[in-house]
Each structure stands twice: as structure tokens, then as C-alpha cells.
Amino acid sequence: MNEIARLKRRLRRQKEARKQAEWIAEEKTRELFQRNQELLELSHSQEQTIQERTKNLEFQNVMLEQSRKELMIQKRELAEKTRDLEKSNRYKDEFLTSISHELRTPLNALMILTDLLIEGAGSEEPTPSQKDSLLLIKSNTEDLLALINAILDMSELVAGRLQIHQGTVPLEDITDSLVSRYREKAAEKGLAFNFELGEGIPASIDTDAVRLIQVLDGLLDNALKFTDQGSIGLSISVDHEPCQQWVIKIKDTGIGINEENHTIIFESFLQVEGGMGRAHGGTGTGLSLCKRLIELMGGIINLKSTPESGSEFSIHLPIFNNAT
């Protein structure tokens, strides 16, 4: 009996163990099935993502190809426009060179003839009114010749062909003719002309003398043009802070310039709005040309001015030669 009871208990335990194993197997099967479903869904989702990305890549490839073709077309058009622009610039340079020669020759002849007439080289001395007219002709001719030269120089600057030729020259070679000429012009207009040299300055200056005289001539001419009473002046000194440099100032007691226009006047072909430009004329090339020439010489030009109080242009140039 005991043996039968033990056998029944063993069979019961085995049956329970088998049920437990079957339950575990079913749970594992369900887990595997669920995981398999999740993997299938993930695979399907990834496949859809890959398809979408593939479509996007194909679309991007089409757009890139289209952009490449458009870029090639634009590149060809740009090359054609560049060639047209170069041709236009070449024609412009040839025209400016030709027209300047054609204008300079008669203008120089007109100036010589006017001087002769003023000096009374004809059969009769000019009357005061005739002399005034001749002086006006000479002045306008000089202005026109200066305008032609300024336009040509600006064209060379824009094209990058204008060169600075540095050399050591006596300072008096820069100042003597300017001081003599503008002292006389100022006197004719009833203005005082002030000229000042700082103490202990070098006797020579290392610069492009032709271009520096051109700049000073332009600034002094502007000072004379915009000053009806008082004085104009030229001063030259040396500043040792923050480094050794020439300081050349052109002052006047003229109409002055509003602060908001201090930058505009240095722009090419721009003038200060209002009556000033109309009253005194000009094309707006002078100060722009002065500024760019000074920058080519390694310097800077500054302006201090208020309306009705005059103007002061200061040029700062590095000192390369300190010979005295």
C-alpha cells in the first residue's frame, strides 16, 4: 500500500510539473509571438522609412541635377556678361583717353590765348570789363581741365591701374607753388591766406609729390570756393603720437558742412544736398579722389566742420624719411 501511495504522489508531482512546464512553454510562445509581431511591425516601419528616404533622395538628386544645370546656365551667362563688361570698360577707357586728348589740346590752347589777351598781346590793351571776361574764361577753362583730369584719375583708381611713385623731395617743392598761387587767389577774393610750418619738421618728405600736390591743390581750391569772407590756410607739422606722422591741415572760415554729411562728401559723384552744390558747382569727384589718393599713399584724411564755422581737413601721412 505504501508503495502505491508513493507512486501516486510521484505521478501527481510529475503531472503538476508537466502542467507547469506546459504553462511556461505557452507563456514563452506568447512572448515569442508578441516579440515576433513587434519585430515585423518595426521591420515594416523601417521599410516604409527607407522607402520614404529613398524617394526623398531621388527627389533631392533630381533637384540637385536641376540646380547644377541652372548653375551651368548662370555660369555661362555670367561669363558672357563679364566679357561684355570687360569690352565695355575697354571701350570706356579708350573713349576717355581719346576724349581727354581731344579736349586737353584746345583747352590748353585756349588758356595760352587767354593769357596773351590778358597781358595785352593784341593790338590794344583789354578794357577792365574785357579783362574780367577773359579771367572768367581762363578760370572756367582751368576748372574744366581739372574736371577732366579728376575723371580720368578716378577711372584709373576704380580700374586699379593708378600707381603711387614714392620719392624723397624737398618740402618746399610741395609748398612753394601752392602757397604763392593760393595767396594770390585768396587776395583776389578778399581773403587772407595763412601758411604755417611746425618747428623742427624734416626738410624733405618721402611721398608721391605729384599726387600730394594734386590733393592739396584740390582741398585748397575747395576751401577757396566755399569761403566768401575770412581766411583759408595751410599748415604742416609732425605728430609723434601714436607714431611719427606728417599732419597737413587745410582750414577755412567758409560755409561749413553738417555732421551728417561728413561721410557723404567723400563718396564718388555724390554732393551734399541743398544749395551748396548748386551754388558752387562740381561733380562730386574731388574729395573722393583726394581720400583715395591719400589712402594709396598710406595715410588717412579727416574732416572737422560745423555749418557757418568753416571746415578743417587734416591729412595724416607716415614719415618714411626723417632727413632734416
C-alpha atoms as a PDB file:
ATOM      1  CA  MET A   1       0.000   0.000   0.000  1.00  0.00           C
ATOM      2  CA  ASN A   2       2.806   2.360   0.881  1.00  0.00           C
ATOM      3  CA  GLU A   3       4.420   1.663  -2.437  1.00  0.00           C
ATOM      4  CA  ILE A   4       1.204   2.510  -4.317  1.00  0.00           C
ATOM      5  CA  ALA A   5       0.758   5.728  -2.349  1.00  0.00           C
ATOM      6  CA  ARG A   6       4.324   6.808  -3.143  1.00  0.00           C
ATOM      7  CA  LEU A   7       3.722   6.013  -6.790  1.00  0.00           C
ATOM      8  CA  LYS A   8       0.540   8.085  -6.874  1.00  0.00           C
ATOM      9  CA  ARG A   9       2.294  11.015  -5.239  1.00  0.00           C
ATOM     10  CA  ARG A  10       5.116  10.755  -7.764  1.00  0.00           C
ATOM     11  CA  LEU A  11       2.658  10.654 -10.670  1.00  0.00           C
ATOM     12  CA  ARG A  12       0.787  13.649  -9.234  1.00  0.00           C
ATOM     13  CA  ARG A  13       4.019  15.638  -8.886  1.00  0.00           C
ATOM     14  CA  GLN A  14       5.007  14.681 -12.403  1.00  0.00           C
ATOM     15  CA  LYS A  15       1.590  15.770 -13.704  1.00  0.00           C
ATOM     16  CA  GLU A  16       1.842  19.099 -11.897  1.00  0.00           C
ATOM     17  CA  ALA A  17       5.361  19.570 -13.179  1.00  0.00           C
ATOM     18  CA  ARG A  18       4.209  18.784 -16.697  1.00  0.00           C
ATOM     19  CA  LYS A  19       1.360  21.325 -16.400  1.00  0.00           C
ATOM     20  CA  GLN A  20       3.791  23.903 -15.052  1.00  0.00           C
ATOM     21  CA  ALA A  21       6.142  23.183 -17.965  1.00  0.00           C
ATOM     22  CA  GLU A  22       3.278  23.445 -20.435  1.00  0.00           C
ATOM     23  CA  TRP A  23       2.178  26.775 -18.905  1.00  0.00           C
ATOM     24  CA  ILE A  24       5.727  28.127 -19.081  1.00  0.00           C
ATOM     25  CA  ALA A  25       6.008  26.910 -22.671  1.00  0.00           C
ATOM     26  CA  GLU A  26       2.748  28.637 -23.554  1.00  0.00           C
ATOM     27  CA  GLU A  27       3.937  31.889 -21.904  1.00  0.00           C
ATOM     28  CA  LYS A  28       7.236  31.713 -23.766  1.00  0.00           C
ATOM     29  CA  THR A  29       5.366  31.007 -27.001  1.00  0.00           C
ATOM     30  CA  ARG A  30       3.116  34.006 -26.444  1.00  0.00           C
ATOM     31  CA  GLU A  31       6.148  36.220 -25.644  1.00  0.00           C
ATOM     32  CA  LEU A  32       7.955  34.987 -28.736  1.00  0.00           C
ATOM     33  CA  PHE A  33       4.877  35.563 -30.857  1.00  0.00           C
ATOM     34  CA  GLN A  34       4.425  39.098 -29.449  1.00  0.00           C
ATOM     35  CA  ARG A  35       8.108  39.884 -29.967  1.00  0.00           C
ATOM     36  CA  ASN A  36       7.909  38.497 -33.463  1.00  0.00           C
ATOM     37  CA  GLN A  37       4.909  40.767 -34.174  1.00  0.00           C
ATOM     38  CA  GLU A  38       6.780  43.744 -32.813  1.00  0.00           C
ATOM     39  CA  LEU A  39       9.772  42.900 -34.971  1.00  0.00           C
ATOM     40  CA  LEU A  40       7.514  42.569 -38.005  1.00  0.00           C
ATOM     41  CA  GLU A  41       5.925  45.950 -37.280  1.00  0.00           C
ATOM     42  CA  LEU A  42       9.368  47.513 -36.735  1.00  0.00           C
ATOM     43  CA  SER A  43      10.645  45.956 -39.927  1.00  0.00           C
ATOM     44  CA  HIS A  44       7.621  47.249 -41.808  1.00  0.00           C
ATOM     45  CA  SER A  45       8.062  50.713 -40.291  1.00  0.00           C
ATOM     46  CA  GLN A  46      11.764  50.749 -41.173  1.00  0.00           C
ATOM     47  CA  GLU A  47      10.963  49.589 -44.671  1.00  0.00           C
ATOM     48  CA  GLN A  48       8.500  52.451 -45.048  1.00  0.00           C
ATOM     49  CA  THR A  49      11.110  54.867 -43.665  1.00  0.00           C
ATOM     50  CA  ILE A  50      13.728  53.556 -46.080  1.00  0.00           C
ATOM     51  CA  GLN A  51      11.294  53.908 -48.967  1.00  0.00           C
ATOM     52  CA  GLU A  52      10.461  57.472 -47.947  1.00  0.00           C
ATOM     53  CA  ARG A  53      14.150  58.315 -47.594  1.00  0.00           C
ATOM     54  CA  THR A  54      14.838  56.713 -50.937  1.00  0.00           C
ATOM     55  CA  LYS A  55      12.113  58.823 -52.518  1.00  0.00           C
ATOM     56  CA  ASN A  56      13.497  61.930 -50.812  1.00  0.00           C
ATOM     57  CA  LEU A  57      16.995  61.131 -52.023  1.00  0.00           C
ATOM     58  CA  GLU A  58      15.720  60.568 -55.531  1.00  0.00           C
ATOM     59  CA  PHE A  59      13.866  63.895 -55.358  1.00  0.00           C
ATOM     60  CA  GLN A  60      16.951  65.635 -53.987  1.00  0.00           C
ATOM     61  CA  ASN A  61      19.064  64.099 -56.749  1.00  0.00           C
ATOM     62  CA  VAL A  62      16.607  65.428 -59.324  1.00  0.00           C
ATOM     63  CA  MET A  63      16.661  68.881 -57.701  1.00  0.00           C
ATOM     64  CA  LEU A  64      20.483  68.823 -57.480  1.00  0.00           C
ATOM     65  CA  GLU A  65      20.733  67.926 -61.131  1.00  0.00           C
ATOM     66  CA  GLN A  66      18.304  70.689 -61.996  1.00  0.00           C
ATOM     67  CA  SER A  67      20.267  73.135 -59.837  1.00  0.00           C
ATOM     68  CA  ARG A  68      23.502  72.007 -61.471  1.00  0.00           C
ATOM     69  CA  LYS A  69      22.046  72.670 -64.910  1.00  0.00           C
ATOM     70  CA  GLU A  70      20.735  76.067 -63.805  1.00  0.00           C
ATOM     71  CA  LEU A  71      24.128  76.862 -62.282  1.00  0.00           C
ATOM     72  CA  MET A  72      25.863  75.937 -65.518  1.00  0.00           C
ATOM     73  CA  ILE A  73      23.481  78.233 -67.424  1.00  0.00           C
ATOM     74  CA  GLN A  74      24.095  81.064 -64.933  1.00  0.00           C
ATOM     75  CA  LYS A  75      27.843  80.469 -65.143  1.00  0.00           C
ATOM     76  CA  ARG A  76      27.742  80.767 -68.926  1.00  0.00           C
ATOM     77  CA  GLU A  77      25.586  83.903 -68.683  1.00  0.00           C
ATOM     78  CA  LEU A  78      27.965  85.379 -66.070  1.00  0.00           C
ATOM     79  CA  ALA A  79      30.964  84.625 -68.300  1.00  0.00           C
ATOM     80  CA  GLU A  80      29.227  86.345 -71.208  1.00  0.00           C
ATOM     81  CA  LYS A  81      28.329  89.360 -69.072  1.00  0.00           C
ATOM     82  CA  THR A  82      31.908  89.506 -67.747  1.00  0.00           C
ATOM     83  CA  ARG A  83      33.228  89.544 -71.303  1.00  0.00           C
ATOM     84  CA  ASP A  84      30.699  92.235 -72.235  1.00  0.00           C
ATOM     85  CA  LEU A  85      31.692  94.270 -69.160  1.00  0.00           C
ATOM     86  CA  GLU A  86      35.391  93.949 -69.942  1.00  0.00           C
ATOM     87  CA  LYS A  87      34.693  95.023 -73.502  1.00  0.00           C
ATOM     88  CA  SER A  88      32.584  97.944 -72.232  1.00  0.00           C
ATOM     89  CA  ASN A  89      35.347  99.002 -69.810  1.00  0.00           C
ATOM     90  CA  ARG A  90      37.911  98.795 -72.582  1.00  0.00           C
ATOM     91  CA  TYR A  91      35.735 100.954 -74.836  1.00  0.00           C
ATOM     92  CA  LYS A  92      35.190 103.384 -71.929  1.00  0.00           C
ATOM     93  CA  ASP A  93      38.925 103.650 -71.262  1.00  0.00           C
ATOM     94  CA  GLU A  94      39.641 104.179 -74.946  1.00  0.00           C
ATOM     95  CA  PHE A  95      36.908 106.806 -75.111  1.00  0.00           C
ATOM     96  CA  LEU A  96      38.158 108.634 -72.008  1.00  0.00           C
ATOM     97  CA  THR A  97      41.729 108.610 -73.276  1.00  0.00           C
ATOM     98  CA  SER A  98      40.666 109.836 -76.702  1.00  0.00           C
ATOM     99  CA  ILE A  99      38.235 112.494 -75.491  1.00  0.00           C
ATOM    100  CA  SER A 100      40.667 113.768 -72.850  1.00  0.00           C
ATOM    101  CA  HIS A 101      43.318 114.273 -75.532  1.00  0.00           C
ATOM    102  CA  GLU A 102      40.816 115.951 -77.835  1.00  0.00           C
ATOM    103  CA  LEU A 103      39.651 118.257 -75.027  1.00  0.00           C
ATOM    104  CA  ARG A 104      43.005 118.977 -73.405  1.00  0.00           C
ATOM    105  CA  THR A 105      44.611 120.251 -76.601  1.00  0.00           C
ATOM    106  CA  PRO A 106      42.094 123.027 -77.348  1.00  0.00           C
ATOM    107  CA  LEU A 107      41.708 123.858 -73.652  1.00  0.00           C
ATOM    108  CA  ASN A 108      45.452 124.356 -73.226  1.00  0.00           C
ATOM    109  CA  ALA A 109      45.490 126.470 -76.394  1.00  0.00           C
ATOM    110  CA  LEU A 110      42.552 128.496 -75.084  1.00  0.00           C
ATOM    111  CA  MET A 111      44.344 129.111 -71.768  1.00  0.00           C
ATOM    112  CA  ILE A 112      47.509 130.279 -73.559  1.00  0.00           C
ATOM    113  CA  LEU A 113      45.493 132.571 -75.855  1.00  0.00           C
ATOM    114  CA  THR A 114      43.551 133.974 -72.894  1.00  0.00           C
ATOM    115  CA  ASP A 115      46.797 134.722 -71.025  1.00  0.00           C
ATOM    116  CA  LEU A 116      48.135 136.534 -74.083  1.00  0.00           C
ATOM    117  CA  LEU A 117      44.967 138.607 -74.400  1.00  0.00           C
ATOM    118  CA  ILE A 118      45.003 139.447 -70.686  1.00  0.00           C
ATOM    119  CA  GLU A 119      48.627 140.619 -70.975  1.00  0.00           C
ATOM    120  CA  GLY A 120      47.659 142.802 -73.931  1.00  0.00           C
ATOM    121  CA  ALA A 121      49.481 140.845 -76.614  1.00  0.00           C
ATOM    122  CA  GLY A 122      46.991 142.108 -79.198  1.00  0.00           C
ATOM    123  CA  SER A 123      46.892 145.498 -80.847  1.00  0.00           C
ATOM    124  CA  GLU A 124      45.011 147.022 -77.920  1.00  0.00           C
ATOM    125  CA  GLU A 125      45.002 146.610 -74.173  1.00  0.00           C
ATOM    126  CA  PRO A 126      41.779 144.913 -72.918  1.00  0.00           C
ATOM    127  CA  THR A 127      39.326 147.124 -71.110  1.00  0.00           C
ATOM    128  CA  PRO A 128      38.561 146.280 -67.446  1.00  0.00           C
ATOM    129  CA  SER A 129      35.296 144.550 -68.426  1.00  0.00           C
ATOM    130  CA  GLN A 130      37.068 142.605 -71.187  1.00  0.00           C
ATOM    131  CA  LYS A 131      39.802 141.595 -68.747  1.00  0.00           C
ATOM    132  CA  ASP A 132      37.184 140.355 -66.280  1.00  0.00           C
ATOM    133  CA  SER A 133      35.595 138.293 -69.058  1.00  0.00           C
ATOM    134  CA  LEU A 134      38.981 136.877 -70.060  1.00  0.00           C
ATOM    135  CA  LEU A 135      39.764 135.984 -66.450  1.00  0.00           C
ATOM    136  CA  LEU A 136      36.384 134.248 -66.204  1.00  0.00           C
ATOM    137  CA  ILE A 137      37.142 132.290 -69.392  1.00  0.00           C
ATOM    138  CA  LYS A 138      40.532 131.287 -68.016  1.00  0.00           C
ATOM    139  CA  SER A 139      39.065 130.255 -64.660  1.00  0.00           C
ATOM    140  CA  ASN A 140      36.326 128.135 -66.262  1.00  0.00           C
ATOM    141  CA  THR A 141      38.850 126.574 -68.635  1.00  0.00           C
ATOM    142  CA  GLU A 142      41.082 125.618 -65.706  1.00  0.00           C
ATOM    143  CA  ASP A 143      38.080 124.142 -63.890  1.00  0.00           C
ATOM    144  CA  LEU A 144      37.094 122.099 -66.950  1.00  0.00           C
ATOM    145  CA  LEU A 145      40.656 120.832 -67.389  1.00  0.00           C
ATOM    146  CA  ALA A 146      40.824 119.895 -63.701  1.00  0.00           C
ATOM    147  CA  LEU A 147      37.487 118.080 -64.019  1.00  0.00           C
ATOM    148  CA  ILE A 148      38.745 116.060 -66.989  1.00  0.00           C
ATOM    149  CA  ASN A 149      41.888 115.093 -65.080  1.00  0.00           C
ATOM    150  CA  ALA A 150      39.838 114.141 -61.989  1.00  0.00           C
ATOM    151  CA  ILE A 151      37.506 111.910 -64.015  1.00  0.00           C
ATOM    152  CA  LEU A 152      40.467 110.199 -65.686  1.00  0.00           C
ATOM    153  CA  ASP A 153      42.212 109.658 -62.345  1.00  0.00           C
ATOM    154  CA  MET A 154      39.023 108.278 -60.797  1.00  0.00           C
ATOM    155  CA  SER A 155      38.679 105.889 -63.724  1.00  0.00           C
ATOM    156  CA  GLU A 156      42.266 104.710 -63.203  1.00  0.00           C
ATOM    157  CA  LEU A 157      41.647 104.289 -59.474  1.00  0.00           C
ATOM    158  CA  VAL A 158      38.492 102.225 -59.989  1.00  0.00           C
ATOM    159  CA  ALA A 159      40.317 100.035 -62.506  1.00  0.00           C
ATOM    160  CA  GLY A 160      43.229  99.586 -60.070  1.00  0.00           C
ATOM    161  CA  ARG A 161      45.750 100.973 -62.536  1.00  0.00           C
ATOM    162  CA  LEU A 162      46.745 104.182 -60.771  1.00  0.00           C
ATOM    163  CA  GLN A 163      50.203 103.806 -59.225  1.00  0.00           C
ATOM    164  CA  ILE A 164      51.906 105.777 -56.457  1.00  0.00           C
ATOM    165  CA  HIS A 165      55.543 106.708 -57.174  1.00  0.00           C
ATOM    166  CA  GLN A 166      57.231 107.301 -53.838  1.00  0.00           C
ATOM    167  CA  GLY A 167      60.291 109.511 -53.687  1.00  0.00           C
ATOM    168  CA  THR A 168      62.111 111.913 -51.375  1.00  0.00           C
ATOM    169  CA  VAL A 169      61.517 115.567 -52.291  1.00  0.00           C
ATOM    170  CA  PRO A 170      62.252 118.871 -50.515  1.00  0.00           C
ATOM    171  CA  LEU A 171      59.194 120.047 -48.619  1.00  0.00           C
ATOM    172  CA  GLU A 172      59.457 123.477 -50.235  1.00  0.00           C
ATOM    173  CA  ASP A 173      58.914 121.820 -53.638  1.00  0.00           C
ATOM    174  CA  ILE A 174      55.480 120.842 -52.356  1.00  0.00           C
ATOM    175  CA  THR A 175      54.570 124.099 -50.665  1.00  0.00           C
ATOM    176  CA  ASP A 176      56.131 126.999 -52.600  1.00  0.00           C
ATOM    177  CA  SER A 177      53.961 126.930 -55.725  1.00  0.00           C
ATOM    178  CA  LEU A 178      50.784 126.163 -53.749  1.00  0.00           C
ATOM    179  CA  VAL A 179      51.341 128.963 -51.236  1.00  0.00           C
ATOM    180  CA  SER A 180      52.214 131.512 -53.938  1.00  0.00           C
ATOM    181  CA  ARG A 181      49.251 130.594 -56.124  1.00  0.00           C
ATOM    182  CA  TYR A 182      46.594 130.436 -53.396  1.00  0.00           C
ATOM    183  CA  ARG A 183      47.849 133.533 -51.595  1.00  0.00           C
ATOM    184  CA  GLU A 184      47.246 135.409 -54.844  1.00  0.00           C
ATOM    185  CA  LYS A 185      43.854 133.752 -55.435  1.00  0.00           C
ATOM    186  CA  ALA A 186      42.765 134.461 -51.860  1.00  0.00           C
ATOM    187  CA  ALA A 187      43.780 138.114 -52.199  1.00  0.00           C
ATOM    188  CA  GLU A 188      41.754 138.418 -55.403  1.00  0.00           C
ATOM    189  CA  LYS A 189      38.715 137.221 -53.433  1.00  0.00           C
ATOM    190  CA  GLY A 190      39.439 139.488 -50.470  1.00  0.00           C
ATOM    191  CA  LEU A 191      40.532 136.629 -48.215  1.00  0.00           C
ATOM    192  CA  ALA A 192      43.582 136.183 -46.017  1.00  0.00           C
ATOM    193  CA  PHE A 193      45.876 133.212 -46.658  1.00  0.00           C
ATOM    194  CA  ASN A 194      47.650 131.682 -43.663  1.00  0.00           C
ATOM    195  CA  PHE A 195      50.644 129.382 -44.070  1.00  0.00           C
ATOM    196  CA  GLU A 196      52.367 127.750 -41.092  1.00  0.00           C
ATOM    197  CA  LEU A 197      55.241 125.284 -40.765  1.00  0.00           C
ATOM    198  CA  GLY A 198      55.750 123.485 -37.461  1.00  0.00           C
ATOM    199  CA  GLU A 199      59.045 123.785 -35.639  1.00  0.00           C
ATOM    200  CA  GLY A 200      61.707 121.163 -36.201  1.00  0.00           C
ATOM    201  CA  ILE A 201      59.937 119.399 -39.057  1.00  0.00           C
ATOM    202  CA  PRO A 202      62.001 117.490 -41.657  1.00  0.00           C
ATOM    203  CA  ALA A 203      63.178 119.489 -44.659  1.00  0.00           C
ATOM    204  CA  SER A 204      62.160 116.714 -47.027  1.00  0.00           C
ATOM    205  CA  ILE A 205      59.224 114.362 -47.350  1.00  0.00           C
ATOM    206  CA  ASP A 206      59.068 110.844 -48.746  1.00  0.00           C
ATOM    207  CA  THR A 207      55.917 110.754 -50.863  1.00  0.00           C
ATOM    208  CA  ASP A 208      54.473 110.941 -54.351  1.00  0.00           C
ATOM    209  CA  ALA A 209      54.979 114.679 -54.836  1.00  0.00           C
ATOM    210  CA  VAL A 210      52.713 114.925 -57.884  1.00  0.00           C
ATOM    211  CA  ARG A 211      49.782 113.214 -56.147  1.00  0.00           C
ATOM    212  CA  LEU A 212      50.250 115.045 -52.846  1.00  0.00           C
ATOM    213  CA  ILE A 213      50.278 118.408 -54.656  1.00  0.00           C
ATOM    214  CA  GLN A 214      47.152 117.273 -56.534  1.00  0.00           C
ATOM    215  CA  VAL A 215      45.383 116.506 -53.238  1.00  0.00           C
ATOM    216  CA  LEU A 216      46.429 119.756 -51.551  1.00  0.00           C
ATOM    217  CA  ASP A 217      45.517 121.712 -54.667  1.00  0.00           C
ATOM    218  CA  GLY A 218      42.039 120.166 -54.643  1.00  0.00           C
ATOM    219  CA  LEU A 219      41.477 120.835 -50.931  1.00  0.00           C
ATOM    220  CA  LEU A 220      42.737 124.421 -51.135  1.00  0.00           C
ATOM    221  CA  ASP A 221      40.587 125.024 -54.208  1.00  0.00           C
ATOM    222  CA  ASN A 222      37.550 123.742 -52.304  1.00  0.00           C
ATOM    223  CA  ALA A 223      38.399 125.957 -49.321  1.00  0.00           C
ATOM    224  CA  LEU A 224      38.663 128.978 -51.611  1.00  0.00           C
ATOM    225  CA  LYS A 225      35.462 128.082 -53.448  1.00  0.00           C
ATOM    226  CA  PHE A 226      33.329 127.750 -50.303  1.00  0.00           C
ATOM    227  CA  THR A 227      34.748 130.730 -48.390  1.00  0.00           C
ATOM    228  CA  ASP A 228      33.375 134.221 -49.056  1.00  0.00           C
ATOM    229  CA  GLN A 229      34.928 136.030 -46.106  1.00  0.00           C
ATOM    230  CA  GLY A 230      37.664 135.457 -43.574  1.00  0.00           C
ATOM    231  CA  SER A 231      40.596 133.249 -44.498  1.00  0.00           C
ATOM    232  CA  ILE A 232      41.898 129.942 -45.782  1.00  0.00           C
ATOM    233  CA  GLY A 233      45.070 128.316 -44.520  1.00  0.00           C
ATOM    234  CA  LEU A 234      47.631 125.557 -44.933  1.00  0.00           C
ATOM    235  CA  SER A 235      49.686 124.201 -42.029  1.00  0.00           C
ATOM    236  CA  ILE A 236      52.248 121.384 -41.920  1.00  0.00           C
ATOM    237  CA  SER A 237      53.577 119.798 -38.739  1.00  0.00           C
ATOM    238  CA  VAL A 238      54.810 116.498 -37.318  1.00  0.00           C
ATOM    239  CA  ASP A 239      52.924 114.498 -34.718  1.00  0.00           C
ATOM    240  CA  HIS A 240      54.803 111.930 -32.615  1.00  0.00           C
ATOM    241  CA  GLU A 241      51.743 110.223 -31.104  1.00  0.00           C
ATOM    242  CA  PRO A 242      50.834 107.415 -31.557  1.00  0.00           C
ATOM    243  CA  CYS A 243      53.620 107.283 -34.175  1.00  0.00           C
ATOM    244  CA  GLN A 244      55.650 109.756 -36.211  1.00  0.00           C
ATOM    245  CA  GLN A 245      53.481 111.170 -38.961  1.00  0.00           C
ATOM    246  CA  TRP A 246      53.016 114.227 -41.103  1.00  0.00           C
ATOM    247  CA  VAL A 247      49.929 116.279 -40.253  1.00  0.00           C
ATOM    248  CA  ILE A 248      48.813 118.595 -43.045  1.00  0.00           C
ATOM    249  CA  LYS A 249      45.756 120.766 -42.366  1.00  0.00           C
ATOM    250  CA  ILE A 250      43.673 122.877 -44.736  1.00  0.00           C
ATOM    251  CA  LYS A 251      41.390 125.272 -42.867  1.00  0.00           C
ATOM    252  CA  ASP A 252      38.797 127.788 -43.987  1.00  0.00           C
ATOM    253  CA  THR A 253      36.182 130.069 -42.481  1.00  0.00           C
ATOM    254  CA  GLY A 254      33.590 129.157 -45.096  1.00  0.00           C
ATOM    255  CA  ILE A 255      30.067 127.812 -45.009  1.00  0.00           C
ATOM    256  CA  GLY A 256      30.941 124.555 -43.221  1.00  0.00           C
ATOM    257  CA  ILE A 257      29.331 121.126 -43.530  1.00  0.00           C
ATOM    258  CA  ASN A 258      26.655 119.414 -41.427  1.00  0.00           C
ATOM    259  CA  GLU A 259      27.967 116.461 -39.417  1.00  0.00           C
ATOM    260  CA  GLU A 260      25.582 114.004 -41.122  1.00  0.00           C
ATOM    261  CA  ASN A 261      27.227 114.893 -44.453  1.00  0.00           C
ATOM    262  CA  HIS A 262      30.832 114.351 -43.346  1.00  0.00           C
ATOM    263  CA  THR A 263      30.880 110.866 -44.849  1.00  0.00           C
ATOM    264  CA  ILE A 264      28.802 111.578 -47.950  1.00  0.00           C
ATOM    265  CA  ILE A 265      31.187 114.188 -49.324  1.00  0.00           C
ATOM    266  CA  PHE A 266      33.930 111.548 -49.681  1.00  0.00           C
ATOM    267  CA  GLU A 267      31.734 109.317 -51.859  1.00  0.00           C
ATOM    268  CA  SER A 268      32.244 109.335 -55.626  1.00  0.00           C
ATOM    269  CA  PHE A 269      29.838 111.501 -57.641  1.00  0.00           C
ATOM    270  CA  LEU A 270      27.839 112.479 -54.544  1.00  0.00           C
ATOM    271  CA  GLN A 271      27.289 116.011 -53.305  1.00  0.00           C
ATOM    272  CA  VAL A 272      25.772 117.492 -50.182  1.00  0.00           C
ATOM    273  CA  GLU A 273      22.103 118.147 -50.782  1.00  0.00           C
ATOM    274  CA  GLY A 274      20.809 121.687 -50.848  1.00  0.00           C
ATOM    275  CA  GLY A 275      22.074 124.944 -52.246  1.00  0.00           C
ATOM    276  CA  MET A 276      25.765 124.373 -51.696  1.00  0.00           C
ATOM    277  CA  GLY A 277      26.314 122.040 -54.647  1.00  0.00           C
ATOM    278  CA  ARG A 278      24.173 124.119 -56.982  1.00  0.00           C
ATOM    279  CA  ALA A 279      25.765 127.404 -55.919  1.00  0.00           C
ATOM    280  CA  HIS A 280      29.366 126.277 -56.288  1.00  0.00           C
ATOM    281  CA  GLY A 281      29.123 123.514 -58.892  1.00  0.00           C
ATOM    282  CA  GLY A 282      31.237 120.367 -59.095  1.00  0.00           C
ATOM    283  CA  THR A 283      30.686 116.725 -59.916  1.00  0.00           C
ATOM    284  CA  GLY A 284      31.475 115.200 -56.530  1.00  0.00           C
ATOM    285  CA  THR A 285      34.736 113.583 -57.673  1.00  0.00           C
ATOM    286  CA  GLY A 286      37.257 115.910 -55.974  1.00  0.00           C
ATOM    287  CA  LEU A 287      37.094 114.872 -52.310  1.00  0.00           C
ATOM    288  CA  SER A 288      36.575 111.220 -53.171  1.00  0.00           C
ATOM    289  CA  LEU A 289      39.695 111.309 -55.334  1.00  0.00           C
ATOM    290  CA  CYS A 290      41.659 113.093 -52.571  1.00  0.00           C
ATOM    291  CA  LYS A 291      40.639 110.476 -50.000  1.00  0.00           C
ATOM    292  CA  ARG A 292      41.594 107.530 -52.197  1.00  0.00           C
ATOM    293  CA  LEU A 293      44.916 109.050 -53.227  1.00  0.00           C
ATOM    294  CA  ILE A 294      45.850 109.673 -49.581  1.00  0.00           C
ATOM    295  CA  GLU A 295      44.909 106.087 -48.716  1.00  0.00           C
ATOM    296  CA  LEU A 296      47.113 104.825 -51.565  1.00  0.00           C
ATOM    297  CA  MET A 297      49.970 106.805 -50.000  1.00  0.00           C
ATOM    298  CA  GLY A 298      49.375 105.001 -46.690  1.00  0.00           C
ATOM    299  CA  GLY A 299      47.586 107.855 -44.950  1.00  0.00           C
ATOM    300  CA  ILE A 300      44.143 108.992 -43.865  1.00  0.00           C
ATOM    301  CA  ILE A 301      42.123 112.172 -44.245  1.00  0.00           C
ATOM    302  CA  ASN A 302      39.750 113.504 -41.587  1.00  0.00           C
ATOM    303  CA  LEU A 303      37.206 116.307 -41.507  1.00  0.00           C
ATOM    304  CA  LYS A 304      36.068 118.617 -38.722  1.00  0.00           C
ATOM    305  CA  SER A 305      33.352 121.079 -39.675  1.00  0.00           C
ATOM    306  CA  THR A 306      30.202 122.800 -38.493  1.00  0.00           C
ATOM    307  CA  PRO A 307      27.842 124.990 -40.539  1.00  0.00           C
ATOM    308  CA  GLU A 308      28.814 128.667 -40.743  1.00  0.00           C
ATOM    309  CA  SER A 309      32.032 127.969 -38.797  1.00  0.00           C
ATOM    310  CA  GLY A 310      34.291 126.690 -41.560  1.00  0.00           C
ATOM    311  CA  SER A 311      35.994 123.374 -42.182  1.00  0.00           C
ATOM    312  CA  GLU A 312      39.292 121.694 -41.391  1.00  0.00           C
ATOM    313  CA  PHE A 313      40.636 118.794 -43.458  1.00  0.00           C
ATOM    314  CA  SER A 314      43.582 117.038 -41.824  1.00  0.00           C
ATOM    315  CA  ILE A 315      45.838 114.640 -43.699  1.00  0.00           C
ATOM    316  CA  HIS A 316      47.959 112.148 -41.746  1.00  0.00           C
ATOM    317  CA  LEU A 317      50.836 110.560 -43.654  1.00  0.00           C
ATOM    318  CA  PRO A 318      53.515 108.209 -42.240  1.00  0.00           C
ATOM    319  CA  ILE A 319      57.051 109.560 -42.028  1.00  0.00           C
ATOM    320  CA  PHE A 320      59.438 107.356 -44.004  1.00  0.00           C
ATOM    321  CA  ASN A 321      62.330 109.827 -44.216  1.00  0.00           C
ATOM    322  CA  ASN A 322      63.404 112.000 -41.302  1.00  0.00           C
ATOM    323  CA  ALA A 323      66.217 113.831 -43.034  1.00  0.00           C
ATOM    324  CA  THR A 324      66.410 117.470 -41.974  1.00  0.00           C
END
